[in-house]
C-alpha atoms as a PDB file:
ATOM      1  CA  MET A   1      26.391  49.549  49.950  1.00  0.00           C
ATOM      2  CA  LYS A   2      25.783  48.028  46.375  1.00  0.00           C
ATOM      3  CA  ARG A   3      26.600  44.736  47.682  1.00  0.00           C
ATOM      4  CA  VAL A   4      23.986  45.137  50.454  1.00  0.00           C
ATOM      5  CA  LEU A   5      21.160  46.403  48.382  1.00  0.00           C
ATOM      6  CA  LYS A   6      22.174  43.368  45.901  1.00  0.00           C
ATOM      7  CA  THR A   7      21.961  40.920  48.592  1.00  0.00           C
ATOM      8  CA  ILE A   8      18.667  42.258  49.590  1.00  0.00           C
ATOM      9  CA  ASP A   9      17.318  42.067  46.366  1.00  0.00           C
ATOM     10  CA  THR A  10      18.684  38.384  45.744  1.00  0.00           C
ATOM     11  CA  ILE A  11      16.815  37.666  49.034  1.00  0.00           C
ATOM     12  CA  SER A  12      13.513  39.062  47.488  1.00  0.00           C
ATOM     13  CA  GLU A  13      13.904  37.214  44.310  1.00  0.00           C
ATOM     14  CA  LYS A  14      14.674  33.649  45.871  1.00  0.00           C
ATOM     15  CA  THR A  15      11.925  33.669  48.599  1.00  0.00           C
ATOM     16  CA  GLY A  16       9.215  34.996  45.639  1.00  0.00           C
ATOM     17  CA  SER A  17      10.570  32.059  43.654  1.00  0.00           C
ATOM     18  CA  ALA A  18      10.179  29.916  46.437  1.00  0.00           C
ATOM     19  CA  GLY A  19       6.799  30.979  46.916  1.00  0.00           C
ATOM     20  CA  ARG A  20       5.849  29.636  43.506  1.00  0.00           C
ATOM     21  CA  TRP A  21       6.363  26.088  44.715  1.00  0.00           C
ATOM     22  CA  PHE A  22       3.780  26.796  47.541  1.00  0.00           C
ATOM     23  CA  CYS A  23       1.324  27.423  44.498  1.00  0.00           C
ATOM     24  CA  VAL A  24       1.782  23.930  43.173  1.00  0.00           C
ATOM     25  CA  ALA A  25       1.293  22.594  46.554  1.00  0.00           C
ATOM     26  CA  LEU A  26      -1.869  24.234  46.992  1.00  0.00           C
ATOM     27  CA  ILE A  27      -3.131  23.221  43.691  1.00  0.00           C
ATOM     28  CA  LEU A  28      -2.164  19.498  44.270  1.00  0.00           C
ATOM     29  CA  VAL A  29      -3.915  19.745  47.955  1.00  0.00           C
ATOM     30  CA  GLY A  30      -6.886  21.381  46.453  1.00  0.00           C
ATOM     31  CA  VAL A  31      -7.163  18.615  43.524  1.00  0.00           C
ATOM     32  CA  PHE A  32      -6.596  16.048  45.974  1.00  0.00           C
ATOM     33  CA  GLU A  33      -9.552  17.479  48.159  1.00  0.00           C
ATOM     34  CA  VAL A  34     -11.606  17.673  45.272  1.00  0.00           C
ATOM     35  CA  THR A  35     -10.924  14.331  44.237  1.00  0.00           C
ATOM     36  CA  MET A  36     -11.632  12.648  47.737  1.00  0.00           C
ATOM     37  CA  ARG A  37     -14.933  14.872  48.310  1.00  0.00           C
ATOM     38  CA  TYR A  38     -16.750  14.267  45.097  1.00  0.00           C
ATOM     39  CA  VAL A  39     -14.975  10.922  43.584  1.00  0.00           C
ATOM     40  CA  PHE A  40     -14.745   9.328  46.673  1.00  0.00           C
ATOM     41  CA  ASN A  41     -17.116  10.897  48.781  1.00  0.00           C
ATOM     42  CA  SER A  42     -14.690  10.922  51.528  1.00  0.00           C
ATOM     43  CA  PRO A  43     -13.519  14.450  52.085  1.00  0.00           C
ATOM     44  CA  THR A  44     -10.475  15.093  54.362  1.00  0.00           C
ATOM     45  CA  VAL A  45     -10.194  17.180  57.701  1.00  0.00           C
ATOM     46  CA  TRP A  46      -6.934  18.894  56.956  1.00  0.00           C
ATOM     47  CA  ALA A  47      -6.934  19.819  53.297  1.00  0.00           C
ATOM     48  CA  TYR A  48      -9.201  23.258  53.779  1.00  0.00           C
ATOM     49  CA  GLU A  49      -6.846  24.404  56.423  1.00  0.00           C
ATOM     50  CA  THR A  50      -3.668  23.323  54.310  1.00  0.00           C
ATOM     51  CA  CYS A  51      -4.870  25.583  51.211  1.00  0.00           C
ATOM     52  CA  SER A  52      -5.574  28.520  53.605  1.00  0.00           C
ATOM     53  CA  MET A  53      -1.930  28.312  54.983  1.00  0.00           C
ATOM     54  CA  LEU A  54      -0.389  27.694  51.715  1.00  0.00           C
ATOM     55  CA  GLY A  55      -2.329  30.201  49.941  1.00  0.00           C
ATOM     56  CA  GLY A  56      -1.144  32.819  52.810  1.00  0.00           C
ATOM     57  CA  ALA A  57       2.313  31.533  52.511  1.00  0.00           C
ATOM     58  CA  THR A  58       2.362  32.047  48.489  1.00  0.00           C
ATOM     59  CA  TYR A  59       1.257  35.818  49.355  1.00  0.00           C
ATOM     60  CA  ALA A  60       3.822  36.458  52.224  1.00  0.00           C
ATOM     61  CA  LEU A  61       6.838  35.159  50.375  1.00  0.00           C
ATOM     62  CA  GLY A  62       5.917  37.219  47.295  1.00  0.00           C
ATOM     63  CA  TRP A  63       5.578  40.508  49.172  1.00  0.00           C
ATOM     64  CA  ALA A  64       9.154  41.752  49.075  1.00  0.00           C
ATOM     65  CA  TYR A  65       9.448  40.027  45.480  1.00  0.00           C
ATOM     66  CA  ALA A  66       6.449  42.243  44.225  1.00  0.00           C
ATOM     67  CA  HIS A  67       8.222  45.086  45.959  1.00  0.00           C
ATOM     68  CA  LEU A  68      11.282  44.485  44.426  1.00  0.00           C
ATOM     69  CA  HIS A  69       9.602  44.569  40.732  1.00  0.00           C
ATOM     70  CA  LYS A  70       7.259  47.305  41.563  1.00  0.00           C
ATOM     71  CA  SER A  71       4.284  45.192  41.085  1.00  0.00           C
ATOM     72  CA  HIS A  72       2.365  46.607  43.839  1.00  0.00           C
ATOM     73  CA  ILE A  73      -0.767  48.607  42.997  1.00  0.00           C
ATOM     74  CA  ARG A  74      -0.252  52.510  43.474  1.00  0.00           C
ATOM     75  CA  VAL A  75      -2.623  55.320  42.488  1.00  0.00           C
ATOM     76  CA  ASP A  76      -0.838  57.333  39.700  1.00  0.00           C
ATOM     77  CA  VAL A  77      -2.861  59.879  39.141  1.00  0.00           C
ATOM     78  CA  PHE A  78      -0.556  62.458  40.264  1.00  0.00           C
ATOM     79  CA  PHE A  79       2.943  60.483  40.663  1.00  0.00           C
ATOM     80  CA  SER A  80       2.915  59.693  37.021  1.00  0.00           C
ATOM     81  CA  ARG A  81       3.027  63.542  36.292  1.00  0.00           C
ATOM     82  CA  LEU A  82       6.137  63.860  38.410  1.00  0.00           C
ATOM     83  CA  SER A  83       9.621  63.926  36.718  1.00  0.00           C
ATOM     84  CA  VAL A  84      11.881  60.781  37.817  1.00  0.00           C
ATOM     85  CA  ARG A  85      13.632  62.656  40.563  1.00  0.00           C
ATOM     86  CA  GLY A  86      10.360  63.794  41.729  1.00  0.00           C
ATOM     87  CA  GLN A  87       8.969  60.523  41.829  1.00  0.00           C
ATOM     88  CA  ALA A  88      11.893  59.515  44.019  1.00  0.00           C
ATOM     89  CA  ILE A  89      11.392  62.375  46.273  1.00  0.00           C
ATOM     90  CA  ALA A  90       7.802  61.436  46.893  1.00  0.00           C
ATOM     91  CA  ASP A  91       8.393  57.818  47.351  1.00  0.00           C
ATOM     92  CA  SER A  92      11.041  58.721  50.275  1.00  0.00           C
ATOM     93  CA  ILE A  93       8.705  60.948  51.898  1.00  0.00           C
ATOM     94  CA  LEU A  94       5.715  58.632  51.644  1.00  0.00           C
ATOM     95  CA  ALA A  95       8.284  55.773  52.682  1.00  0.00           C
ATOM     96  CA  LEU A  96       9.336  57.634  55.957  1.00  0.00           C
ATOM     97  CA  ILE A  97       5.605  58.997  56.699  1.00  0.00           C
ATOM     98  CA  LEU A  98       3.288  55.825  55.976  1.00  0.00           C
ATOM     99  CA  PHE A  99       5.527  52.478  55.186  1.00  0.00           C
ATOM    100  CA  PHE A 100       8.372  52.461  57.553  1.00  0.00           C
ATOM    101  CA  PRO A 101       5.485  53.350  60.503  1.00  0.00           C
ATOM    102  CA  LEU A 102       2.962  50.738  59.096  1.00  0.00           C
ATOM    103  CA  MET A 103       5.782  47.931  58.468  1.00  0.00           C
ATOM    104  CA  GLY A 104       7.596  48.367  61.776  1.00  0.00           C
ATOM    105  CA  LEU A 105       4.173  47.886  63.609  1.00  0.00           C
ATOM    106  CA  MET A 106       3.213  44.595  61.548  1.00  0.00           C
ATOM    107  CA  ALA A 107       6.545  43.204  61.846  1.00  0.00           C
ATOM    108  CA  GLU A 108       6.722  43.599  65.705  1.00  0.00           C
ATOM    109  CA  ARG A 109       3.305  42.279  65.646  1.00  0.00           C
ATOM    110  CA  SER A 110       3.839  39.486  63.578  1.00  0.00           C
ATOM    111  CA  ILE A 111       6.734  38.475  65.464  1.00  0.00           C
ATOM    112  CA  PHE A 112       4.958  38.783  68.770  1.00  0.00           C
ATOM    113  CA  TRP A 113       2.188  36.494  67.583  1.00  0.00           C
ATOM    114  CA  ALA A 114       4.187  33.921  66.108  1.00  0.00           C
ATOM    115  CA  TRP A 115       6.280  33.587  69.229  1.00  0.00           C
ATOM    116  CA  ARG A 116       2.847  33.385  71.020  1.00  0.00           C
ATOM    117  CA  ALA A 117       1.443  30.419  68.939  1.00  0.00           C
ATOM    118  CA  TYR A 118       4.782  28.769  69.334  1.00  0.00           C
ATOM    119  CA  SER A 119       5.176  29.428  72.988  1.00  0.00           C
ATOM    120  CA  ARG A 120       1.446  28.505  74.070  1.00  0.00           C
ATOM    121  CA  GLY A 121       0.966  25.887  71.611  1.00  0.00           C
ATOM    122  CA  LEU A 122      -2.093  27.607  69.923  1.00  0.00           C
ATOM    123  CA  VAL A 123      -3.773  25.882  67.118  1.00  0.00           C
ATOM    124  CA  MET A 124      -6.060  26.881  64.045  1.00  0.00           C
ATOM    125  CA  MET A 125      -9.554  26.398  64.843  1.00  0.00           C
ATOM    126  CA  GLU A 126     -11.176  26.372  61.324  1.00  0.00           C
ATOM    127  CA  SER A 127     -11.470  22.554  61.012  1.00  0.00           C
ATOM    128  CA  TYR A 128     -11.221  19.838  63.357  1.00  0.00           C
ATOM    129  CA  TRP A 129      -7.718  19.044  62.449  1.00  0.00           C
ATOM    130  CA  TYR A 130      -6.403  21.544  64.850  1.00  0.00           C
ATOM    131  CA  ALA A 131      -2.997  22.612  63.045  1.00  0.00           C
ATOM    132  CA  PRO A 132      -0.617  24.207  65.045  1.00  0.00           C
ATOM    133  CA  GLN A 133      -0.653  27.937  64.450  1.00  0.00           C
ATOM    134  CA  TRP A 134       3.309  28.551  64.650  1.00  0.00           C
ATOM    135  CA  PRO A 135       4.504  27.484  61.183  1.00  0.00           C
ATOM    136  CA  PHE A 136       1.856  29.758  59.214  1.00  0.00           C
ATOM    137  CA  ARG A 137       2.540  32.958  61.749  1.00  0.00           C
ATOM    138  CA  VAL A 138       6.330  32.381  61.011  1.00  0.00           C
ATOM    139  CA  ILE A 139       5.947  32.588  57.560  1.00  0.00           C
ATOM    140  CA  LEU A 140       3.800  35.595  57.724  1.00  0.00           C
ATOM    141  CA  ALA A 141       6.367  37.172  59.985  1.00  0.00           C
ATOM    142  CA  ILE A 142       9.046  36.392  57.707  1.00  0.00           C
ATOM    143  CA  GLY A 143       7.269  37.860  54.648  1.00  0.00           C
ATOM    144  CA  ILE A 144       6.561  41.058  56.489  1.00  0.00           C
ATOM    145  CA  CYS A 145      10.139  41.457  57.537  1.00  0.00           C
ATOM    146  CA  LEU A 146      11.466  40.618  54.046  1.00  0.00           C
ATOM    147  CA  LEU A 147       9.112  43.304  52.713  1.00  0.00           C
ATOM    148  CA  LEU A 148      10.440  45.755  55.352  1.00  0.00           C
ATOM    149  CA  LEU A 149      13.960  44.747  54.224  1.00  0.00           C
ATOM    150  CA  GLN A 150      13.119  45.341  50.496  1.00  0.00           C
ATOM    151  CA  GLY A 151      11.333  48.588  51.471  1.00  0.00           C
ATOM    152  CA  VAL A 152      14.639  49.686  53.374  1.00  0.00           C
ATOM    153  CA  ALA A 153      16.785  48.969  49.982  1.00  0.00           C
ATOM    154  CA  LYS A 154      14.128  50.885  47.776  1.00  0.00           C
ATOM    155  CA  PHE A 155      14.138  53.783  49.941  1.00  0.00           C
ATOM    156  CA  VAL A 156      18.183  53.715  50.070  1.00  0.00           C
ATOM    157  CA  ARG A 157      17.957  53.891  46.343  1.00  0.00           C
ATOM    158  CA  ASP A 158      14.925  56.510  45.987  1.00  0.00           C
ATOM    159  CA  ALA A 159      16.728  58.755  48.714  1.00  0.00           C
ATOM    160  CA  HIS A 160      20.234  58.437  46.702  1.00  0.00           C
ATOM    161  CA  PHE A 161      18.406  59.192  43.131  1.00  0.00           C
ATOM    162  CA  ALA A 162      16.547  62.059  45.009  1.00  0.00           C
ATOM    163  CA  VAL A 163      19.812  63.646  46.470  1.00  0.00           C
ATOM    164  CA  LYS A 164      22.653  62.810  43.981  1.00  0.00           C
ATOM    165  CA  GLY A 165      20.271  62.670  40.962  1.00  0.00           C
ATOM    166  CA  THR A 166      21.985  59.134  39.759  1.00  0.00           C
ATOM    167  CA  ALA A 167      20.890  55.604  40.327  1.00  0.00           C
ATOM    168  CA  ILE A 168      22.616  52.772  42.675  1.00  0.00           C
ATOM    169  CA  ASP A 169      22.535  49.834  40.860  1.00  0.00           C
END
């Protein structure tokens, strides 16, 4: 079990690190577009949509990473008053009630829309470039599935701690 959890953590860590490179690409494309538009008075057709896709990919690949490092926003008004074991119990219950149903639905829908975009050849309609949708939708589906997977790892750790009182490292 420890090896499976460690593998999930490693996947989240690696995809989060890979997502950083999308930030670099986003900055380069943005600088290129601004230079073309304001220095050469020749804006591109593709840069706006590319920046949108790179920004979305950065977020999507960072979701599981943020969950691994407990960087998501939470309301601590009541949660912080609980013991560590109480927090694990609350996280386990809320994961079963909220996280898993929502993320399961989002994963199913994102996979459906990624497949639909690929099979039907759907294109982005924000500009006259008409970029294919499927690469972006696949990255979003991967990000959601990785977040769900990291949520499973967190749930296993929380449930174990809630029951046994010891952490799984």
